[in-house]
Amino acid sequence: MKDQQGVTMIELLVAIAILAMVSSLSFATHRKWQEHVFLTNQVGELRSAIVKTQQLAIASAKDSAWGVHFEAAQYTIFSGSSYSEIDPNNEIYDLQGVLIVDPEIVLSDGIGGFGSNVIFSKFTGQTVNTGTIALMPEVNPAITKSITIYAVGQID
């Protein structure tokens, strides 16, 4: 018999199987990394919005306190000492691909209960609405990142 050069069908199938396994592992790892980065970015945007709201209160913009109202898929920046859903001056922002975990009970209301608002006092930027806001990706609730609000106005 003649010595034949080339690739057999079995060698080709083994190579394709190895390539498929490496590709699937790479895709899964990339997807998790992408979710982590996306969640980190959304947490950063929400933290920035909370800090902006606190700065509006410290500056006494509109001669008022300022607050943020949290819902599962959005948050609203408002002026005043209480949230009104129908206020036309509310600034509503949708969260992209992430959800706030249990927004109705994330923050202390200052009188022994819980609520979904943080309100910063004008001039001081302090709040009685302390607590931790946890965010999670819509597609993977096993991953969470959080923002903590303290009474003195510190936001971590």
C-alpha atoms as a PDB file:
ATOM      1  CA  MET A   1       0.000   0.000   0.000  1.00  0.00           C
ATOM      2  CA  LYS A   2       0.972   3.513  -0.634  1.00  0.00           C
ATOM      3  CA  ASP A   3       1.716   5.924   2.209  1.00  0.00           C
ATOM      4  CA  GLN A   4      -1.124   8.451   2.044  1.00  0.00           C
ATOM      5  CA  GLN A   5      -0.896  11.972   3.301  1.00  0.00           C
ATOM      6  CA  GLY A   6      -3.895  13.821   4.609  1.00  0.00           C
ATOM      7  CA  VAL A   7      -6.328  13.936   7.472  1.00  0.00           C
ATOM      8  CA  THR A   8      -8.644  11.104   8.308  1.00  0.00           C
ATOM      9  CA  MET A   9     -12.270  11.639   9.153  1.00  0.00           C
ATOM     10  CA  ILE A  10     -11.644  10.629  12.795  1.00  0.00           C
ATOM     11  CA  GLU A  11      -8.836  13.164  13.177  1.00  0.00           C
ATOM     12  CA  LEU A  12     -11.057  15.850  11.720  1.00  0.00           C
ATOM     13  CA  LEU A  13     -13.937  15.002  14.102  1.00  0.00           C
ATOM     14  CA  VAL A  14     -11.600  14.972  17.126  1.00  0.00           C
ATOM     15  CA  ALA A  15     -10.222  18.390  16.153  1.00  0.00           C
ATOM     16  CA  ILE A  16     -13.730  19.808  15.715  1.00  0.00           C
ATOM     17  CA  ALA A  17     -14.831  18.376  19.087  1.00  0.00           C
ATOM     18  CA  ILE A  18     -11.842  19.936  20.868  1.00  0.00           C
ATOM     19  CA  LEU A  19     -12.477  23.276  19.170  1.00  0.00           C
ATOM     20  CA  ALA A  20     -16.162  23.147  20.176  1.00  0.00           C
ATOM     21  CA  MET A  21     -15.293  22.447  23.832  1.00  0.00           C
ATOM     22  CA  VAL A  22     -12.757  25.278  24.014  1.00  0.00           C
ATOM     23  CA  SER A  23     -15.196  27.666  22.323  1.00  0.00           C
ATOM     24  CA  SER A  24     -18.050  26.823  24.689  1.00  0.00           C
ATOM     25  CA  LEU A  25     -15.833  27.314  27.753  1.00  0.00           C
ATOM     26  CA  SER A  26     -14.602  30.631  26.394  1.00  0.00           C
ATOM     27  CA  PHE A  27     -18.136  31.802  25.639  1.00  0.00           C
ATOM     28  CA  ALA A  28     -19.397  30.914  29.134  1.00  0.00           C
ATOM     29  CA  THR A  29     -16.471  32.685  30.792  1.00  0.00           C
ATOM     30  CA  HIS A  30     -16.904  35.742  28.573  1.00  0.00           C
ATOM     31  CA  ARG A  31     -20.628  35.876  29.322  1.00  0.00           C
ATOM     32  CA  LYS A  32     -20.026  35.851  33.107  1.00  0.00           C
ATOM     33  CA  TRP A  33     -17.351  38.515  32.780  1.00  0.00           C
ATOM     34  CA  GLN A  34     -19.716  40.617  30.643  1.00  0.00           C
ATOM     35  CA  GLU A  35     -22.515  40.318  33.256  1.00  0.00           C
ATOM     36  CA  HIS A  36     -20.106  41.349  36.020  1.00  0.00           C
ATOM     37  CA  VAL A  37     -18.878  44.406  34.092  1.00  0.00           C
ATOM     38  CA  PHE A  38     -22.421  45.403  33.123  1.00  0.00           C
ATOM     39  CA  LEU A  39     -23.632  45.137  36.732  1.00  0.00           C
ATOM     40  CA  THR A  40     -20.635  47.129  37.973  1.00  0.00           C
ATOM     41  CA  ASN A  41     -21.415  49.892  35.448  1.00  0.00           C
ATOM     42  CA  GLN A  42     -25.097  50.055  36.414  1.00  0.00           C
ATOM     43  CA  VAL A  43     -24.205  50.224  40.124  1.00  0.00           C
ATOM     44  CA  GLY A  44     -21.797  53.064  39.333  1.00  0.00           C
ATOM     45  CA  GLU A  45     -24.500  54.966  37.437  1.00  0.00           C
ATOM     46  CA  LEU A  46     -27.002  54.552  40.283  1.00  0.00           C
ATOM     47  CA  ARG A  47     -24.403  55.586  42.882  1.00  0.00           C
ATOM     48  CA  SER A  48     -23.642  58.699  40.791  1.00  0.00           C
ATOM     49  CA  ALA A  49     -27.347  59.556  40.621  1.00  0.00           C
ATOM     50  CA  ILE A  50     -27.656  59.248  44.410  1.00  0.00           C
ATOM     51  CA  VAL A  51     -24.595  61.467  44.943  1.00  0.00           C
ATOM     52  CA  LYS A  52     -25.968  64.007  42.424  1.00  0.00           C
ATOM     53  CA  THR A  53     -29.253  64.084  44.340  1.00  0.00           C
ATOM     54  CA  GLN A  54     -27.424  64.593  47.623  1.00  0.00           C
ATOM     55  CA  GLN A  55     -25.462  67.478  46.079  1.00  0.00           C
ATOM     56  CA  LEU A  56     -28.706  69.088  44.908  1.00  0.00           C
ATOM     57  CA  ALA A  57     -29.954  68.926  48.514  1.00  0.00           C
ATOM     58  CA  ILE A  58     -26.714  70.381  49.895  1.00  0.00           C
ATOM     59  CA  ALA A  59     -26.933  73.202  47.345  1.00  0.00           C
ATOM     60  CA  SER A  60     -30.580  73.662  48.353  1.00  0.00           C
ATOM     61  CA  ALA A  61     -31.612  73.651  44.695  1.00  0.00           C
ATOM     62  CA  LYS A  62     -35.215  74.841  44.390  1.00  0.00           C
ATOM     63  CA  ASP A  63     -34.909  75.682  48.119  1.00  0.00           C
ATOM     64  CA  SER A  64     -35.779  72.084  48.873  1.00  0.00           C
ATOM     65  CA  ALA A  65     -34.692  68.696  50.129  1.00  0.00           C
ATOM     66  CA  TRP A  66     -34.049  66.124  47.385  1.00  0.00           C
ATOM     67  CA  GLY A  67     -34.625  62.402  47.182  1.00  0.00           C
ATOM     68  CA  VAL A  68     -34.505  59.238  45.134  1.00  0.00           C
ATOM     69  CA  HIS A  69     -37.406  56.784  44.878  1.00  0.00           C
ATOM     70  CA  PHE A  70     -36.484  53.181  44.010  1.00  0.00           C
ATOM     71  CA  GLU A  71     -38.524  50.608  42.118  1.00  0.00           C
ATOM     72  CA  ALA A  72     -37.434  47.216  40.787  1.00  0.00           C
ATOM     73  CA  ALA A  73     -36.453  48.406  37.291  1.00  0.00           C
ATOM     74  CA  GLN A  74     -36.164  52.187  37.677  1.00  0.00           C
ATOM     75  CA  TYR A  75     -35.412  55.042  40.024  1.00  0.00           C
ATOM     76  CA  THR A  76     -36.791  58.571  40.217  1.00  0.00           C
ATOM     77  CA  ILE A  77     -35.028  61.740  41.375  1.00  0.00           C
ATOM     78  CA  PHE A  78     -37.436  64.203  42.980  1.00  0.00           C
ATOM     79  CA  SER A  79     -37.398  67.465  44.901  1.00  0.00           C
ATOM     80  CA  GLY A  80     -39.191  67.908  48.197  1.00  0.00           C
ATOM     81  CA  SER A  81     -39.467  66.002  51.435  1.00  0.00           C
ATOM     82  CA  SER A  82     -41.764  63.309  50.030  1.00  0.00           C
ATOM     83  CA  TYR A  83     -42.181  61.419  46.764  1.00  0.00           C
ATOM     84  CA  SER A  84     -45.184  62.106  44.548  1.00  0.00           C
ATOM     85  CA  GLU A  85     -45.604  59.798  41.572  1.00  0.00           C
ATOM     86  CA  ILE A  86     -47.518  62.437  39.605  1.00  0.00           C
ATOM     87  CA  ASP A  87     -45.053  65.317  40.046  1.00  0.00           C
ATOM     88  CA  PRO A  88     -44.154  66.472  36.506  1.00  0.00           C
ATOM     89  CA  ASN A  89     -40.682  67.548  37.675  1.00  0.00           C
ATOM     90  CA  ASN A  90     -39.664  63.986  38.584  1.00  0.00           C
ATOM     91  CA  GLU A  91     -36.659  62.648  36.666  1.00  0.00           C
ATOM     92  CA  ILE A  92     -37.301  58.962  35.894  1.00  0.00           C
ATOM     93  CA  TYR A  93     -34.422  56.671  34.904  1.00  0.00           C
ATOM     94  CA  ASP A  94     -34.792  53.069  33.752  1.00  0.00           C
ATOM     95  CA  LEU A  95     -32.233  50.511  34.855  1.00  0.00           C
ATOM     96  CA  GLN A  96     -30.783  48.580  31.927  1.00  0.00           C
ATOM     97  CA  GLY A  97     -30.581  44.815  32.407  1.00  0.00           C
ATOM     98  CA  VAL A  98     -30.477  44.927  36.208  1.00  0.00           C
ATOM     99  CA  LEU A  99     -33.054  44.965  38.979  1.00  0.00           C
ATOM    100  CA  ILE A 100     -33.135  46.395  42.489  1.00  0.00           C
ATOM    101  CA  VAL A 101     -33.701  43.599  45.000  1.00  0.00           C
ATOM    102  CA  ASP A 102     -36.822  44.222  47.157  1.00  0.00           C
ATOM    103  CA  PRO A 103     -36.954  48.020  46.624  1.00  0.00           C
ATOM    104  CA  GLU A 104     -39.895  48.459  49.034  1.00  0.00           C
ATOM    105  CA  ILE A 105     -37.844  47.394  52.058  1.00  0.00           C
ATOM    106  CA  VAL A 106     -34.272  48.445  51.295  1.00  0.00           C
ATOM    107  CA  LEU A 107     -34.116  51.640  53.343  1.00  0.00           C
ATOM    108  CA  SER A 108     -35.103  52.558  56.872  1.00  0.00           C
ATOM    109  CA  ASP A 109     -37.793  55.230  56.969  1.00  0.00           C
ATOM    110  CA  GLY A 110     -36.342  56.710  60.158  1.00  0.00           C
ATOM    111  CA  ILE A 111     -39.297  55.775  62.369  1.00  0.00           C
ATOM    112  CA  GLY A 112     -38.884  52.015  62.646  1.00  0.00           C
ATOM    113  CA  GLY A 113     -40.241  50.991  59.270  1.00  0.00           C
ATOM    114  CA  PHE A 114     -38.896  50.547  55.786  1.00  0.00           C
ATOM    115  CA  GLY A 115     -39.434  52.275  52.485  1.00  0.00           C
ATOM    116  CA  SER A 116     -38.153  52.799  48.991  1.00  0.00           C
ATOM    117  CA  ASN A 117     -37.062  56.441  49.275  1.00  0.00           C
ATOM    118  CA  VAL A 118     -33.898  58.182  50.370  1.00  0.00           C
ATOM    119  CA  ILE A 119     -34.420  61.865  51.133  1.00  0.00           C
ATOM    120  CA  PHE A 120     -31.451  64.164  51.737  1.00  0.00           C
ATOM    121  CA  SER A 121     -31.894  67.218  53.970  1.00  0.00           C
ATOM    122  CA  LYS A 122     -31.194  70.551  52.363  1.00  0.00           C
ATOM    123  CA  PHE A 123     -27.885  72.184  53.316  1.00  0.00           C
ATOM    124  CA  THR A 124     -26.521  69.105  55.179  1.00  0.00           C
ATOM    125  CA  GLY A 125     -27.158  66.254  52.753  1.00  0.00           C
ATOM    126  CA  GLN A 126     -27.864  63.967  55.692  1.00  0.00           C
ATOM    127  CA  THR A 127     -30.660  61.407  55.702  1.00  0.00           C
ATOM    128  CA  VAL A 128     -32.645  59.222  58.080  1.00  0.00           C
ATOM    129  CA  ASN A 129     -33.159  56.734  55.245  1.00  0.00           C
ATOM    130  CA  THR A 130     -30.243  54.386  55.787  1.00  0.00           C
ATOM    131  CA  GLY A 131     -29.720  50.953  54.316  1.00  0.00           C
ATOM    132  CA  THR A 132     -28.257  48.898  51.515  1.00  0.00           C
ATOM    133  CA  ILE A 133     -29.573  48.804  47.959  1.00  0.00           C
ATOM    134  CA  ALA A 134     -28.708  45.539  46.188  1.00  0.00           C
ATOM    135  CA  LEU A 135     -28.743  45.215  42.409  1.00  0.00           C
ATOM    136  CA  MET A 136     -28.673  42.000  40.384  1.00  0.00           C
ATOM    137  CA  PRO A 137     -28.618  41.178  36.674  1.00  0.00           C
ATOM    138  CA  GLU A 138     -32.009  40.200  35.238  1.00  0.00           C
ATOM    139  CA  VAL A 139     -30.493  37.045  33.740  1.00  0.00           C
ATOM    140  CA  ASN A 140     -28.407  35.889  36.729  1.00  0.00           C
ATOM    141  CA  PRO A 141     -29.827  36.691  40.175  1.00  0.00           C
ATOM    142  CA  ALA A 142     -26.936  34.836  41.837  1.00  0.00           C
ATOM    143  CA  ILE A 143     -24.678  37.881  41.343  1.00  0.00           C
ATOM    144  CA  THR A 144     -25.346  41.049  43.355  1.00  0.00           C
ATOM    145  CA  LYS A 145     -23.603  44.336  44.036  1.00  0.00           C
ATOM    146  CA  SER A 146     -24.756  46.886  46.560  1.00  0.00           C
ATOM    147  CA  ILE A 147     -24.758  50.545  47.540  1.00  0.00           C
ATOM    148  CA  THR A 148     -24.947  51.480  51.226  1.00  0.00           C
ATOM    149  CA  ILE A 149     -26.344  54.803  52.444  1.00  0.00           C
ATOM    150  CA  TYR A 150     -25.450  56.045  55.938  1.00  0.00           C
ATOM    151  CA  ALA A 151     -27.214  58.691  58.061  1.00  0.00           C
ATOM    152  CA  VAL A 152     -24.373  61.206  57.783  1.00  0.00           C
ATOM    153  CA  GLY A 153     -24.832  61.097  54.023  1.00  0.00           C
ATOM    154  CA  GLN A 154     -21.929  58.796  53.229  1.00  0.00           C
ATOM    155  CA  ILE A 155     -22.619  56.630  50.175  1.00  0.00           C
ATOM    156  CA  ASP A 156     -20.542  53.485  49.599  1.00  0.00           C
END
